[in-house]
Amino acid sequence: MSAFDNFPPLSQGVGPAQTGTSTSGPSLPSVGKPGEAKGASFVDSVLSAVEDVDQLQDESTAKAEALASGEDVPLHDLLIAQERADVSFRLLIDELIADFDQEAERHVRALLSDQ
């Protein structure tokens, strides 16, 4: 089970009718499912997830800079962008740690079964 299985993509959001903002943009990052091959496709999915998180962080920074420079940026848009970036980053890290733990456990079991 992936850490992302419990969360809907942020691109689905709460909808424009409720917030008055667009919900387009990247969804939460995903670095693969447990048990998938960990070859080049895993690396590609990690890089893609990092790029998605980076894009969300860039959007958040751009809104903060726009607000600081006096542009009319709704505060709730800035806060939502900051939270999306933060949650995406945390979920990416959690997923990477979970994948690392699974790989470490697999290697330990392989070593123990060889004895």
N, C-alpha and C. Protein backbone atom coordinates (compact mmCIF):
# COMPACT_ATOMS: atom_id res chain seq x y z
N MET A 1 0.86 -1.19 0.00
CA MET A 1 0.00 0.00 0.00
C MET A 1 0.89 1.23 0.00
N SER A 2 0.61 2.14 -0.88
CA SER A 2 1.38 3.37 -1.02
C SER A 2 0.85 4.43 -0.06
N ALA A 3 1.73 5.33 0.35
CA ALA A 3 1.31 6.44 1.21
C ALA A 3 0.30 7.32 0.50
N PHE A 4 0.27 7.26 -0.84
CA PHE A 4 -0.62 8.11 -1.60
C PHE A 4 -2.00 7.48 -1.83
N ASP A 5 -2.16 6.22 -1.47
CA ASP A 5 -3.44 5.55 -1.70
C ASP A 5 -4.56 6.16 -0.86
N ASN A 6 -4.23 6.78 0.26
CA ASN A 6 -5.24 7.33 1.16
C ASN A 6 -5.65 8.76 0.81
N PHE A 7 -4.97 9.38 -0.17
CA PHE A 7 -5.23 10.77 -0.48
C PHE A 7 -5.63 10.93 -1.94
N PRO A 8 -6.70 11.68 -2.20
CA PRO A 8 -7.04 11.97 -3.60
C PRO A 8 -6.04 12.98 -4.14
N PRO A 9 -5.84 13.00 -5.46
CA PRO A 9 -4.95 14.00 -6.03
C PRO A 9 -5.42 15.41 -5.71
N LEU A 10 -4.50 16.30 -5.40
CA LEU A 10 -4.88 17.68 -5.10
C LEU A 10 -5.49 18.36 -6.31
N SER A 11 -5.20 17.85 -7.51
CA SER A 11 -5.78 18.48 -8.68
C SER A 11 -7.30 18.35 -8.68
N GLN A 12 -7.84 17.37 -7.92
CA GLN A 12 -9.28 17.26 -7.79
C GLN A 12 -9.79 18.30 -6.81
N GLY A 13 -8.98 18.61 -5.81
CA GLY A 13 -9.26 19.68 -4.86
C GLY A 13 -10.67 19.68 -4.33
N VAL A 14 -11.11 20.86 -3.91
CA VAL A 14 -12.48 21.02 -3.43
C VAL A 14 -13.37 21.62 -4.50
N GLY A 15 -12.77 21.95 -5.63
CA GLY A 15 -13.55 22.42 -6.77
C GLY A 15 -13.63 23.93 -6.83
N PRO A 16 -13.68 24.46 -8.05
CA PRO A 16 -13.75 25.90 -8.23
C PRO A 16 -15.01 26.53 -7.64
N ALA A 17 -16.10 25.77 -7.61
CA ALA A 17 -17.35 26.33 -7.10
C ALA A 17 -17.24 26.66 -5.62
N GLN A 18 -16.41 25.92 -4.88
CA GLN A 18 -16.30 26.16 -3.45
C GLN A 18 -15.23 27.16 -3.10
N THR A 19 -14.16 27.24 -3.90
CA THR A 19 -13.06 28.13 -3.55
C THR A 19 -12.98 29.34 -4.44
N GLY A 20 -13.60 29.28 -5.61
CA GLY A 20 -13.48 30.37 -6.55
C GLY A 20 -12.16 30.37 -7.30
N THR A 21 -11.38 29.29 -7.17
CA THR A 21 -10.10 29.21 -7.84
C THR A 21 -10.06 27.96 -8.69
N SER A 22 -9.14 27.95 -9.60
CA SER A 22 -8.94 26.79 -10.46
C SER A 22 -8.21 25.71 -9.68
N THR A 23 -8.50 24.46 -9.98
CA THR A 23 -7.82 23.35 -9.32
C THR A 23 -6.89 22.64 -10.28
N SER A 24 -6.58 23.29 -11.41
CA SER A 24 -5.67 22.65 -12.34
C SER A 24 -4.27 22.69 -11.78
N GLY A 25 -3.42 21.81 -12.29
CA GLY A 25 -2.05 21.75 -11.83
C GLY A 25 -1.69 20.31 -11.53
N PRO A 26 -0.48 20.10 -11.11
CA PRO A 26 -0.03 18.73 -10.88
C PRO A 26 -0.71 18.12 -9.67
N SER A 27 -0.86 16.82 -9.70
CA SER A 27 -1.43 16.11 -8.56
C SER A 27 -0.31 15.79 -7.60
N LEU A 28 -0.65 15.16 -6.51
CA LEU A 28 0.36 14.75 -5.55
C LEU A 28 1.35 13.82 -6.21
N PRO A 29 2.59 13.87 -5.78
CA PRO A 29 3.59 13.01 -6.40
C PRO A 29 3.35 11.55 -6.07
N SER A 30 3.79 10.70 -6.94
CA SER A 30 3.73 9.27 -6.71
C SER A 30 5.02 8.66 -7.23
N VAL A 31 5.67 7.88 -6.42
CA VAL A 31 6.95 7.30 -6.83
C VAL A 31 6.84 5.80 -7.08
N GLY A 32 5.67 5.35 -7.40
CA GLY A 32 5.50 3.94 -7.73
C GLY A 32 4.78 3.19 -6.64
N LYS A 33 4.43 1.98 -6.94
CA LYS A 33 3.71 1.13 -6.00
C LYS A 33 4.67 0.10 -5.43
N PRO A 34 4.45 -0.33 -4.19
CA PRO A 34 5.28 -1.38 -3.63
C PRO A 34 5.20 -2.63 -4.49
N GLY A 35 6.33 -3.27 -4.67
CA GLY A 35 6.37 -4.49 -5.45
C GLY A 35 6.63 -4.27 -6.92
N GLU A 36 6.58 -3.00 -7.39
CA GLU A 36 6.88 -2.74 -8.79
C GLU A 36 8.38 -2.88 -9.01
N ALA A 37 8.75 -3.09 -10.25
CA ALA A 37 10.17 -3.15 -10.58
C ALA A 37 10.82 -1.83 -10.20
N LYS A 38 12.01 -1.90 -9.66
CA LYS A 38 12.69 -0.70 -9.19
C LYS A 38 13.80 -0.27 -10.14
N GLY A 39 13.66 -0.54 -11.41
CA GLY A 39 14.67 -0.18 -12.39
C GLY A 39 14.55 1.27 -12.80
N ALA A 40 14.78 1.51 -14.08
CA ALA A 40 14.74 2.87 -14.62
C ALA A 40 13.37 3.50 -14.41
N SER A 41 12.30 2.71 -14.45
CA SER A 41 10.97 3.29 -14.26
C SER A 41 10.80 3.88 -12.87
N PHE A 42 11.42 3.29 -11.88
CA PHE A 42 11.37 3.84 -10.52
C PHE A 42 12.11 5.17 -10.48
N VAL A 43 13.29 5.21 -11.08
CA VAL A 43 14.06 6.44 -11.12
C VAL A 43 13.28 7.53 -11.85
N ASP A 44 12.69 7.16 -12.98
CA ASP A 44 11.90 8.13 -13.74
C ASP A 44 10.73 8.64 -12.93
N SER A 45 10.07 7.76 -12.19
CA SER A 45 8.92 8.20 -11.41
C SER A 45 9.35 9.08 -10.24
N VAL A 46 10.52 8.80 -9.65
CA VAL A 46 11.02 9.67 -8.58
C VAL A 46 11.34 11.05 -9.15
N LEU A 47 12.02 11.08 -10.28
CA LEU A 47 12.35 12.37 -10.90
C LEU A 47 11.10 13.15 -11.27
N SER A 48 10.10 12.46 -11.78
CA SER A 48 8.84 13.11 -12.13
C SER A 48 8.16 13.67 -10.88
N ALA A 49 8.16 12.89 -9.80
CA ALA A 49 7.54 13.35 -8.55
C ALA A 49 8.27 14.56 -7.99
N VAL A 50 9.59 14.55 -8.07
CA VAL A 50 10.38 15.69 -7.59
C VAL A 50 10.08 16.93 -8.44
N GLU A 51 9.95 16.74 -9.74
CA GLU A 51 9.60 17.87 -10.62
C GLU A 51 8.22 18.42 -10.28
N ASP A 52 7.26 17.54 -9.98
CA ASP A 52 5.92 17.99 -9.61
C ASP A 52 5.96 18.81 -8.31
N VAL A 53 6.71 18.32 -7.33
CA VAL A 53 6.83 19.04 -6.06
C VAL A 53 7.52 20.38 -6.29
N ASP A 54 8.56 20.37 -7.11
CA ASP A 54 9.28 21.60 -7.41
C ASP A 54 8.35 22.62 -8.08
N GLN A 55 7.51 22.15 -8.99
CA GLN A 55 6.57 23.05 -9.66
C GLN A 55 5.59 23.66 -8.65
N LEU A 56 5.09 22.84 -7.73
CA LEU A 56 4.18 23.36 -6.70
C LEU A 56 4.88 24.38 -5.81
N GLN A 57 6.14 24.12 -5.47
CA GLN A 57 6.89 25.07 -4.65
C GLN A 57 7.16 26.37 -5.41
N ASP A 58 7.44 26.25 -6.70
CA ASP A 58 7.64 27.45 -7.53
C ASP A 58 6.37 28.28 -7.61
N GLU A 59 5.23 27.62 -7.76
CA GLU A 59 3.94 28.34 -7.81
C GLU A 59 3.68 29.06 -6.49
N SER A 60 3.98 28.39 -5.38
CA SER A 60 3.79 28.99 -4.07
C SER A 60 4.69 30.21 -3.89
N THR A 61 5.95 30.08 -4.29
CA THR A 61 6.90 31.19 -4.19
C THR A 61 6.47 32.36 -5.06
N ALA A 62 6.00 32.06 -6.27
CA ALA A 62 5.56 33.13 -7.17
C ALA A 62 4.39 33.90 -6.58
N LYS A 63 3.45 33.20 -5.97
CA LYS A 63 2.29 33.88 -5.36
C LYS A 63 2.73 34.71 -4.16
N ALA A 64 3.65 34.19 -3.36
CA ALA A 64 4.14 34.94 -2.19
C ALA A 64 4.88 36.20 -2.64
N GLU A 65 5.71 36.08 -3.67
CA GLU A 65 6.44 37.24 -4.18
C GLU A 65 5.48 38.26 -4.79
N ALA A 66 4.46 37.78 -5.49
CA ALA A 66 3.48 38.70 -6.07
C ALA A 66 2.74 39.47 -4.98
N LEU A 67 2.35 38.78 -3.93
CA LEU A 67 1.66 39.45 -2.82
C LEU A 67 2.59 40.45 -2.14
N ALA A 68 3.84 40.07 -1.94
CA ALA A 68 4.81 40.96 -1.29
C ALA A 68 5.11 42.20 -2.13
N SER A 69 4.99 42.07 -3.45
CA SER A 69 5.28 43.21 -4.32
C SER A 69 4.05 44.11 -4.52
N GLY A 70 2.94 43.75 -3.86
CA GLY A 70 1.77 44.61 -3.91
C GLY A 70 0.70 44.18 -4.89
N GLU A 71 0.91 43.08 -5.60
CA GLU A 71 -0.11 42.61 -6.53
C GLU A 71 -1.32 42.10 -5.75
N ASP A 72 -2.45 42.10 -6.44
CA ASP A 72 -3.69 41.64 -5.82
C ASP A 72 -3.77 40.12 -5.91
N VAL A 73 -3.24 39.45 -4.88
CA VAL A 73 -3.28 37.99 -4.80
C VAL A 73 -4.16 37.64 -3.61
N PRO A 74 -5.26 36.93 -3.84
CA PRO A 74 -6.09 36.53 -2.69
C PRO A 74 -5.28 35.71 -1.70
N LEU A 75 -5.38 36.06 -0.44
CA LEU A 75 -4.59 35.39 0.60
C LEU A 75 -4.87 33.90 0.63
N HIS A 76 -6.13 33.52 0.42
CA HIS A 76 -6.45 32.10 0.47
C HIS A 76 -5.77 31.34 -0.67
N ASP A 77 -5.58 31.98 -1.83
CA ASP A 77 -4.85 31.32 -2.93
C ASP A 77 -3.41 31.06 -2.53
N LEU A 78 -2.79 32.03 -1.88
CA LEU A 78 -1.41 31.87 -1.42
C LEU A 78 -1.32 30.75 -0.38
N LEU A 79 -2.22 30.75 0.58
CA LEU A 79 -2.18 29.73 1.62
C LEU A 79 -2.42 28.33 1.06
N ILE A 80 -3.33 28.22 0.11
CA ILE A 80 -3.59 26.93 -0.52
C ILE A 80 -2.37 26.46 -1.29
N ALA A 81 -1.74 27.35 -2.03
CA ALA A 81 -0.53 27.00 -2.78
C ALA A 81 0.59 26.56 -1.84
N GLN A 82 0.75 27.25 -0.71
CA GLN A 82 1.78 26.87 0.24
C GLN A 82 1.49 25.50 0.86
N GLU A 83 0.26 25.25 1.20
CA GLU A 83 -0.10 23.95 1.79
C GLU A 83 0.06 22.82 0.78
N ARG A 84 -0.35 23.06 -0.47
CA ARG A 84 -0.18 22.03 -1.51
C ARG A 84 1.29 21.67 -1.66
N ALA A 85 2.15 22.68 -1.70
CA ALA A 85 3.58 22.43 -1.83
C ALA A 85 4.12 21.67 -0.62
N ASP A 86 3.70 22.08 0.56
CA ASP A 86 4.18 21.44 1.79
C ASP A 86 3.72 19.99 1.89
N VAL A 87 2.44 19.76 1.66
CA VAL A 87 1.89 18.40 1.74
C VAL A 87 2.53 17.50 0.68
N SER A 88 2.69 18.01 -0.52
CA SER A 88 3.31 17.22 -1.59
C SER A 88 4.74 16.84 -1.24
N PHE A 89 5.49 17.79 -0.69
CA PHE A 89 6.87 17.50 -0.29
C PHE A 89 6.91 16.44 0.80
N ARG A 90 6.07 16.61 1.81
CA ARG A 90 6.05 15.64 2.92
C ARG A 90 5.66 14.24 2.45
N LEU A 91 4.66 14.16 1.57
CA LEU A 91 4.23 12.86 1.06
C LEU A 91 5.31 12.22 0.19
N LEU A 92 6.02 13.04 -0.58
CA LEU A 92 7.12 12.51 -1.38
C LEU A 92 8.19 11.91 -0.48
N ILE A 93 8.56 12.62 0.57
CA ILE A 93 9.57 12.11 1.50
C ILE A 93 9.07 10.83 2.18
N ASP A 94 7.82 10.84 2.63
CA ASP A 94 7.25 9.65 3.27
C ASP A 94 7.29 8.45 2.33
N GLU A 95 6.93 8.68 1.06
CA GLU A 95 6.92 7.60 0.08
C GLU A 95 8.34 7.07 -0.17
N LEU A 96 9.28 7.97 -0.27
CA LEU A 96 10.67 7.54 -0.50
C LEU A 96 11.20 6.75 0.69
N ILE A 97 10.88 7.18 1.90
CA ILE A 97 11.30 6.45 3.10
C ILE A 97 10.65 5.07 3.13
N ALA A 98 9.37 4.99 2.80
CA ALA A 98 8.67 3.70 2.79
C ALA A 98 9.29 2.77 1.75
N ASP A 99 9.60 3.29 0.57
CA ASP A 99 10.23 2.47 -0.46
C ASP A 99 11.61 2.01 -0.03
N PHE A 100 12.37 2.89 0.61
CA PHE A 100 13.70 2.52 1.11
C PHE A 100 13.58 1.41 2.16
N ASP A 101 12.63 1.56 3.07
CA ASP A 101 12.42 0.54 4.11
C ASP A 101 12.07 -0.81 3.49
N GLN A 102 11.22 -0.81 2.46
CA GLN A 102 10.85 -2.07 1.81
C GLN A 102 12.05 -2.70 1.14
N GLU A 103 12.86 -1.90 0.48
CA GLU A 103 14.06 -2.43 -0.18
C GLU A 103 15.04 -2.97 0.85
N ALA A 104 15.23 -2.27 1.96
CA ALA A 104 16.14 -2.72 3.01
C ALA A 104 15.64 -4.04 3.60
N GLU A 105 14.35 -4.13 3.83
CA GLU A 105 13.78 -5.36 4.39
C GLU A 105 13.95 -6.52 3.41
N ARG A 106 13.75 -6.24 2.12
CA ARG A 106 13.92 -7.28 1.11
C ARG A 106 15.36 -7.78 1.08
N HIS A 107 16.31 -6.88 1.20
CA HIS A 107 17.72 -7.27 1.19
C HIS A 107 18.09 -8.07 2.44
N VAL A 108 17.56 -7.67 3.58
CA VAL A 108 17.82 -8.40 4.83
C VAL A 108 17.25 -9.81 4.74
N ARG A 109 16.02 -9.92 4.23
CA ARG A 109 15.41 -11.26 4.09
C ARG A 109 16.22 -12.12 3.13
N ALA A 110 16.72 -11.52 2.05
CA ALA A 110 17.53 -12.27 1.09
C ALA A 110 18.81 -12.75 1.75
N LEU A 111 19.43 -11.92 2.54
CA LEU A 111 20.66 -12.30 3.24
C LEU A 111 20.39 -13.41 4.25
N LEU A 112 19.29 -13.30 4.97
CA LEU A 112 18.97 -14.31 5.97
C LEU A 112 18.58 -15.65 5.32
N SER A 113 17.95 -15.59 4.18
CA SER A 113 17.56 -16.83 3.52
C SER A 113 18.77 -17.55 2.90
N ASP A 114 19.85 -16.81 2.63
CA ASP A 114 21.06 -17.42 2.08
C ASP A 114 21.84 -18.19 3.14
N GLN A 115 21.58 -17.94 4.39
CA GLN A 115 22.35 -18.59 5.46
C GLN A 115 21.82 -19.95 5.79
